[in-house]
């Protein structure tokens, strides 16, 4: 492995063992185990944002003039770049077909039985790995803009209890977060700056800032996905003031590890803006991104985030090796 990667892990691992690291997961984590160039098969594995956009447009109908564009070199109709824009496509199909069909297609796709990736399973195994080595700060804080529940299922498979805090994009409590306890009970968070029943130092926390699928009841699905959703999210919702106080403090004082993101992703830029505004992140943070574009490099740099140029699968494999090789806390063998 490269010196850059090893140097990064030298800094990251003490942050993990000291309870100062937060995993920030994007749609790209679901491609962690997929071979490069492998075609996506709906119902067999979760899609990337672009693949989901294409699936929605083909399933619910999207104006043909928007779907195709003329290639200047071959003079043939090819797939338009607009088809890869999940927010734009979701807005269009919601207007054309209605929000109910959009939610039905999303539920059908997201509630299928998928296996968590090696990345999900590694994060879920961390509390046990750290505990076995005597590190007291074993609980993890995971933030995600994904709608699927693979992270939750990985923690359940690992028999690791967690608190789930989810943004509500629909319904009477729209604009609030709901806290689901490990026993399945739920509570709407109405006074976030006084809410003390969730904190990463007590138990692992999964914070879903753009909603989630509810595989047990599709009427409880909640997705920030269309342009209208994002407008509402950005103009009416100050996310940092809606998150429980224990999590807000963590968001301001942590090393972030961004996995499965490009800063070209609208959803990531939206949430970063709502939490941090235009300021750089307070603590050293990293984005794992293979072959980043020049725009991504400049965009991450403006946020004070270093890019580690490596594939997610190779990164998770090496990080797992380094964690498993940790000595016991205090220096004993």
Protein backbone atom coordinates (compact mmCIF):
# COMPACT_ATOMS: atom_id res chain seq x y z
CA UNK A 1 0.00 0.00 0.00
CA UNK A 2 1.08 3.58 -0.62
CA UNK A 3 2.87 5.72 1.94
CA UNK A 4 0.01 8.22 1.63
CA UNK A 5 -2.56 5.60 2.67
CA UNK A 6 -0.43 4.29 5.54
CA UNK A 7 0.23 7.81 6.79
CA UNK A 8 -3.49 8.55 6.68
CA UNK A 9 -4.27 5.39 8.67
CA UNK A 10 -1.63 6.36 11.22
CA UNK A 11 -3.77 9.44 11.95
CA UNK A 12 -7.22 7.90 11.48
CA UNK A 13 -6.83 4.86 13.72
CA UNK A 14 -6.08 6.84 16.92
CA UNK A 15 -9.17 8.92 16.10
CA UNK A 16 -11.23 5.72 15.84
CA UNK A 17 -9.86 4.20 19.06
CA UNK A 18 -10.29 7.54 20.83
CA UNK A 19 -13.93 7.96 19.79
CA UNK A 20 -13.16 10.98 17.58
CA UNK A 21 -13.99 9.51 14.15
CA UNK A 22 -17.30 9.68 12.30
CA UNK A 23 -18.13 7.59 9.24
CA UNK A 24 -20.05 9.55 6.59
CA UNK A 25 -21.55 7.11 4.07
CA UNK A 26 -22.77 7.89 0.55
CA UNK A 27 -24.34 5.84 -2.24
CA UNK A 28 -20.93 4.68 -3.45
CA UNK A 29 -20.51 2.39 -0.43
CA UNK A 30 -23.10 0.07 -1.94
CA UNK A 31 -20.73 -0.53 -4.86
CA UNK A 32 -17.87 -1.55 -2.58
CA UNK A 33 -18.00 -5.25 -3.50
CA UNK A 34 -19.07 -4.79 -7.11
CA UNK A 35 -16.50 -5.56 -9.80
CA UNK A 36 -15.47 -2.59 -11.92
CA UNK A 37 -17.69 -2.33 -14.98
CA UNK A 38 -20.23 -4.83 -13.64
CA UNK A 39 -23.78 -4.13 -14.79
CA UNK A 40 -26.29 -3.28 -12.08
CA UNK A 41 -29.16 -5.77 -11.67
CA UNK A 42 -32.24 -4.33 -9.88
CA UNK A 43 -33.22 -6.44 -6.89
CA UNK A 44 -29.82 -8.14 -6.69
CA UNK A 45 -27.72 -5.24 -5.44
CA UNK A 46 -28.31 -1.60 -4.59
CA UNK A 47 -27.69 1.02 -7.28
CA UNK A 48 -25.48 4.07 -7.52
CA UNK A 49 -27.24 7.43 -7.70
CA UNK A 50 -26.94 7.49 -11.49
CA UNK A 51 -28.26 3.93 -11.79
CA UNK A 52 -31.22 4.76 -9.56
CA UNK A 53 -31.99 7.84 -11.65
CA UNK A 54 -31.97 5.76 -14.83
CA UNK A 55 -34.18 3.11 -13.22
CA UNK A 56 -36.75 5.70 -12.11
CA UNK A 57 -36.84 7.35 -15.51
CA UNK A 58 -37.37 4.06 -17.31
CA UNK A 59 -39.90 2.72 -14.80
CA UNK A 60 -42.05 5.81 -14.31
CA UNK A 61 -41.61 7.56 -17.62
CA UNK A 62 -39.39 10.49 -18.46
CA UNK A 63 -39.71 12.81 -21.49
CA UNK A 64 -37.87 11.20 -24.38
CA UNK A 65 -36.43 14.56 -25.42
CA UNK A 66 -34.79 14.79 -21.97
CA UNK A 67 -33.53 11.20 -22.02
CA UNK A 68 -31.55 11.38 -25.26
CA UNK A 69 -29.03 13.76 -26.75
CA UNK A 70 -27.25 13.84 -30.11
CA UNK A 71 -23.63 12.67 -29.96
CA UNK A 72 -21.53 15.14 -32.01
CA UNK A 73 -18.97 12.51 -33.03
CA UNK A 74 -21.20 9.62 -34.09
CA UNK A 75 -24.35 11.69 -34.77
CA UNK A 76 -26.52 9.17 -32.95
CA UNK A 77 -28.91 9.57 -30.06
CA UNK A 78 -27.20 8.60 -26.79
CA UNK A 79 -28.26 8.72 -23.15
CA UNK A 80 -28.37 12.27 -21.81
CA UNK A 81 -26.30 13.31 -18.80
CA UNK A 82 -29.59 14.54 -17.31
CA UNK A 83 -30.54 10.90 -16.85
CA UNK A 84 -27.78 10.53 -14.24
CA UNK A 85 -29.09 13.40 -12.08
CA UNK A 86 -31.17 11.65 -9.41
CA UNK A 87 -32.64 14.84 -8.00
CA UNK A 88 -33.72 16.14 -11.41
CA UNK A 89 -35.13 12.80 -12.54
CA UNK A 90 -36.99 12.30 -9.25
CA UNK A 91 -38.54 15.74 -9.53
CA UNK A 92 -39.65 15.13 -13.10
CA UNK A 93 -41.20 11.70 -12.50
CA UNK A 94 -42.87 13.00 -9.32
CA UNK A 95 -44.50 15.79 -11.33
CA UNK A 96 -45.39 13.56 -14.27
CA UNK A 97 -46.45 10.36 -12.46
CA UNK A 98 -47.08 11.59 -8.91
CA UNK A 99 -45.20 11.25 -5.64
CA UNK A 100 -47.02 8.04 -4.67
CA UNK A 101 -45.71 6.03 -7.67
CA UNK A 102 -42.23 7.45 -7.03
CA UNK A 103 -42.33 6.23 -3.42
CA UNK A 104 -43.73 2.84 -4.48
CA UNK A 105 -40.88 2.23 -6.92
CA UNK A 106 -38.31 3.38 -4.36
CA UNK A 107 -39.78 1.13 -1.68
CA UNK A 108 -39.89 -1.88 -3.96
CA UNK A 109 -36.25 -1.37 -4.89
CA UNK A 110 -34.84 -0.42 -1.48
CA UNK A 111 -36.76 -3.00 0.56
CA UNK A 112 -35.47 -5.98 -1.40
CA UNK A 113 -33.22 -8.43 0.44
CA UNK A 114 -29.65 -7.26 -0.09
CA UNK A 115 -26.58 -8.37 1.81
CA UNK A 116 -24.54 -5.68 3.58
CA UNK A 117 -21.19 -5.03 1.90
CA UNK A 118 -17.80 -5.71 3.44
CA UNK A 119 -17.69 -2.00 4.32
CA UNK A 120 -20.98 -2.15 6.24
CA UNK A 121 -19.89 -5.30 8.04
CA UNK A 122 -16.52 -3.83 8.97
CA UNK A 123 -18.10 -0.72 10.55
CA UNK A 124 -20.58 -2.92 12.41
CA UNK A 125 -17.76 -5.16 13.67
CA UNK A 126 -15.69 -2.24 15.01
CA UNK A 127 -17.30 -2.08 18.48
CA UNK A 128 -16.42 -5.73 19.11
CA UNK A 129 -12.93 -5.40 17.60
CA UNK A 130 -12.17 -2.41 19.82
CA UNK A 131 -13.73 -3.97 22.91
CA UNK A 132 -11.66 -7.14 22.50
CA UNK A 133 -8.54 -4.97 22.52
CA UNK A 134 -9.56 -3.05 25.62
CA UNK A 135 -10.46 0.29 24.02
CA UNK A 136 -13.27 1.95 26.01
CA UNK A 137 -14.50 4.21 23.19
CA UNK A 138 -16.02 1.34 21.25
CA UNK A 139 -19.26 2.93 20.05
CA UNK A 140 -19.47 4.30 16.50
CA UNK A 141 -21.16 7.35 15.01
CA UNK A 142 -22.33 6.81 11.43
CA UNK A 143 -23.92 9.56 9.34
CA UNK A 144 -25.46 8.71 5.98
CA UNK A 145 -27.50 10.26 3.21
CA UNK A 146 -28.48 6.80 1.94
CA UNK A 147 -32.10 5.62 2.04
CA UNK A 148 -31.37 1.89 2.38
CA UNK A 149 -31.01 0.04 5.68
CA UNK A 150 -27.85 -1.98 5.02
CA UNK A 151 -25.95 -0.25 7.81
CA UNK A 152 -28.69 -1.03 10.31
CA UNK A 153 -28.88 -4.64 9.19
CA UNK A 154 -25.11 -5.05 9.48
CA UNK A 155 -25.24 -3.89 13.12
CA UNK A 156 -28.19 -6.21 13.77
CA UNK A 157 -26.27 -9.14 12.25
CA UNK A 158 -23.34 -8.27 14.54
CA UNK A 159 -25.70 -8.22 17.57
CA UNK A 160 -24.60 -4.67 18.27
CA UNK A 161 -27.34 -2.37 19.67
CA UNK A 162 -27.69 1.08 18.15
CA UNK A 163 -29.83 4.19 18.18
CA UNK A 164 -31.35 5.20 14.84
CA UNK A 165 -32.06 8.90 14.25
CA UNK A 166 -33.90 9.62 11.00
CA UNK A 167 -35.07 12.76 9.24
CA UNK A 168 -38.78 12.89 8.36
CA UNK A 169 -39.41 14.34 4.90
CA UNK A 170 -43.15 13.59 4.86
CA UNK A 171 -46.16 13.54 7.20
CA UNK A 172 -47.35 15.59 10.15
CA UNK A 173 -43.86 15.68 11.69
CA UNK A 174 -42.09 16.68 8.49
CA UNK A 175 -38.86 18.52 9.18
CA UNK A 176 -38.19 16.75 12.48
CA UNK A 177 -36.03 13.77 13.40
CA UNK A 178 -37.35 10.58 14.98
CA UNK A 179 -35.32 8.48 17.41
CA UNK A 180 -35.73 4.71 17.27
CA UNK A 181 -34.37 2.94 20.36
CA UNK A 182 -32.69 -0.49 20.17
CA UNK A 183 -35.91 -2.09 21.43
CA UNK A 184 -37.87 -0.64 18.49
CA UNK A 185 -39.71 2.08 20.40
CA UNK A 186 -39.72 5.51 18.77
CA UNK A 187 -39.91 9.12 19.86
CA UNK A 188 -40.23 12.29 17.78
CA UNK A 189 -37.49 14.74 18.75
CA UNK A 190 -39.36 17.98 19.40
CA UNK A 191 -36.80 19.84 21.54
CA UNK A 192 -33.39 18.85 20.11
CA UNK A 193 -31.29 21.09 22.33
CA UNK A 194 -32.69 19.33 25.40
CA UNK A 195 -32.86 15.79 24.04
CA UNK A 196 -30.29 13.66 25.89
CA UNK A 197 -31.50 10.12 25.18
CA UNK A 198 -29.13 9.59 22.28
CA UNK A 199 -25.35 10.09 22.30
CA UNK A 200 -22.47 8.21 20.63
CA UNK A 201 -20.62 7.79 23.93
CA UNK A 202 -23.56 5.75 25.28
CA UNK A 203 -24.32 3.57 22.27
CA UNK A 204 -23.61 3.38 18.55
CA UNK A 205 -25.67 5.95 16.62
CA UNK A 206 -26.77 5.89 12.98
CA UNK A 207 -27.92 9.33 11.81
CA UNK A 208 -29.88 9.29 8.51
CA UNK A 209 -30.09 12.90 7.38
CA UNK A 210 -32.12 12.30 4.20
CA UNK A 211 -34.68 9.79 5.45
CA UNK A 212 -34.97 6.05 5.05
CA UNK A 213 -36.96 3.15 3.69
CA UNK A 214 -39.14 1.34 6.23
CA UNK A 215 -39.35 -2.24 4.98
CA UNK A 216 -42.07 -3.13 7.52
CA UNK A 217 -44.45 -0.31 6.49
CA UNK A 218 -44.06 1.55 3.20
CA UNK A 219 -46.36 4.32 4.45
CA UNK A 220 -43.55 5.29 6.80
CA UNK A 221 -40.96 5.70 4.03
CA UNK A 222 -39.30 9.11 4.02
CA UNK A 223 -36.99 10.35 1.26
CA UNK A 224 -35.33 13.70 0.57
CA UNK A 225 -34.90 13.04 -3.14
CA UNK A 226 -36.76 15.48 -5.43
CA UNK A 227 -35.83 19.10 -6.15
CA UNK A 228 -38.86 20.20 -4.11
CA UNK A 229 -37.65 18.09 -1.17
CA UNK A 230 -34.23 19.74 -1.32
CA UNK A 231 -35.70 23.23 -1.60
CA UNK A 232 -37.78 22.53 1.50
CA UNK A 233 -34.74 21.02 3.20
CA UNK A 234 -32.53 24.01 2.45
CA UNK A 235 -34.98 26.86 2.97
CA UNK A 236 -37.12 25.63 5.88
CA UNK A 237 -34.83 23.30 7.79
CA UNK A 238 -31.76 24.16 9.83
CA UNK A 239 -30.59 20.60 10.26
CA UNK A 240 -27.94 21.45 12.85
CA UNK A 241 -30.69 22.80 15.16
CA UNK A 242 -32.95 19.75 14.67
CA UNK A 243 -30.35 17.14 15.58
CA UNK A 244 -30.14 16.12 19.27
CA UNK A 245 -27.62 18.17 21.21
CA UNK A 246 -25.35 15.18 21.84
CA UNK A 247 -24.97 14.62 18.10
CA UNK A 248 -24.54 18.29 17.24
CA UNK A 249 -21.49 18.48 19.46
CA UNK A 250 -20.06 15.37 17.82
CA UNK A 251 -20.57 16.85 14.34
CA UNK A 252 -18.55 19.91 15.34
CA UNK A 253 -15.73 18.03 17.06
CA UNK A 254 -14.86 14.96 15.05
CA UNK A 255 -12.64 13.63 12.28
CA UNK A 256 -14.83 12.75 9.30
CA UNK A 257 -14.20 9.84 6.98
CA UNK A 258 -16.24 10.34 3.80
CA UNK A 259 -16.89 7.04 2.02
CA UNK A 260 -18.74 6.64 -1.27
CA UNK A 261 -19.02 10.34 -2.09
CA UNK A 262 -18.00 12.82 -4.72
CA UNK A 263 -18.46 16.50 -3.88
CA UNK A 264 -20.22 16.72 -7.23
CA UNK A 265 -23.08 14.97 -5.37
CA UNK A 266 -25.80 17.52 -4.68
CA UNK A 267 -27.05 15.72 -1.58
CA UNK A 268 -23.65 15.89 0.13
CA UNK A 269 -23.16 19.58 -0.67
CA UNK A 270 -26.63 20.29 0.73
CA UNK A 271 -26.04 18.60 4.06
CA UNK A 272 -22.54 20.07 4.46
CA UNK A 273 -23.99 23.52 3.86
CA UNK A 274 -26.76 23.02 6.39
CA UNK A 275 -24.38 21.86 9.13
CA UNK A 276 -21.19 23.82 8.51
CA UNK A 277 -22.14 26.63 6.12
CA UNK A 278 -19.14 27.65 4.04
CA UNK A 279 -16.52 27.00 6.73
CA UNK A 280 -13.91 24.28 6.61
CA UNK A 281 -14.33 21.24 8.83
CA UNK A 282 -12.86 21.77 12.28
CA UNK A 283 -10.89 18.53 12.46
CA UNK A 284 -8.68 16.80 9.92
CA UNK A 285 -10.96 14.79 7.64
CA UNK A 286 -10.61 12.55 4.61
CA UNK A 287 -12.51 11.42 1.51
CA UNK A 288 -11.79 8.00 0.02
CA UNK A 289 -12.21 8.46 -3.71
CA UNK A 290 -10.56 6.57 -6.55
CA UNK A 291 -9.28 8.76 -9.39
CA UNK A 292 -10.91 12.01 -8.23
CA UNK A 293 -11.57 14.71 -10.81
CA UNK A 294 -9.92 18.13 -10.64
CA UNK A 295 -13.26 19.62 -9.53
CA UNK A 296 -13.50 17.11 -6.69
CA UNK A 297 -9.94 17.84 -5.60
CA UNK A 298 -10.60 21.58 -5.45
CA UNK A 299 -14.02 21.13 -3.82
CA UNK A 300 -12.73 18.84 -1.07
CA UNK A 301 -9.74 21.14 -0.53
CA UNK A 302 -12.05 24.10 0.09
CA UNK A 303 -13.61 22.06 2.90
CA UNK A 304 -10.25 21.15 4.36
CA UNK A 305 -10.69 17.49 3.40
CA UNK A 306 -7.78 15.39 2.11
CA UNK A 307 -8.48 12.89 -0.69
CA UNK A 308 -7.07 9.38 -0.42
CA UNK A 309 -6.92 7.99 -3.97
CA UNK A 310 -7.79 4.31 -3.50
CA UNK A 311 -10.76 2.04 -4.16
CA UNK A 312 -13.21 1.48 -1.30
CA UNK A 313 -12.66 -2.27 -1.33
CA UNK A 314 -8.87 -1.93 -1.05
CA UNK A 315 -9.25 0.77 1.60
CA UNK A 316 -11.60 -1.25 3.82
CA UNK A 317 -9.37 -4.31 3.49
CA UNK A 318 -6.28 -2.42 4.64
CA UNK A 319 -8.09 -0.53 7.42
CA UNK A 320 -9.45 -3.82 8.76
CA UNK A 321 -5.95 -5.34 8.74
CA UNK A 322 -4.57 -2.37 10.70
CA UNK A 323 -7.40 -2.46 13.27
CA UNK A 324 -7.01 -6.21 13.78
CA UNK A 325 -3.27 -5.73 14.35
CA UNK A 326 -3.81 -3.20 17.14
CA UNK A 327 -2.20 -4.04 20.48
CA UNK A 328 -4.31 -4.08 23.57
CA UNK A 329 -5.03 -0.66 25.04
CA UNK A 330 -2.32 0.39 27.47
CA UNK A 331 0.40 -1.39 25.52
CA UNK A 332 -0.15 -4.91 26.87
CA UNK A 333 -0.12 -7.84 24.47
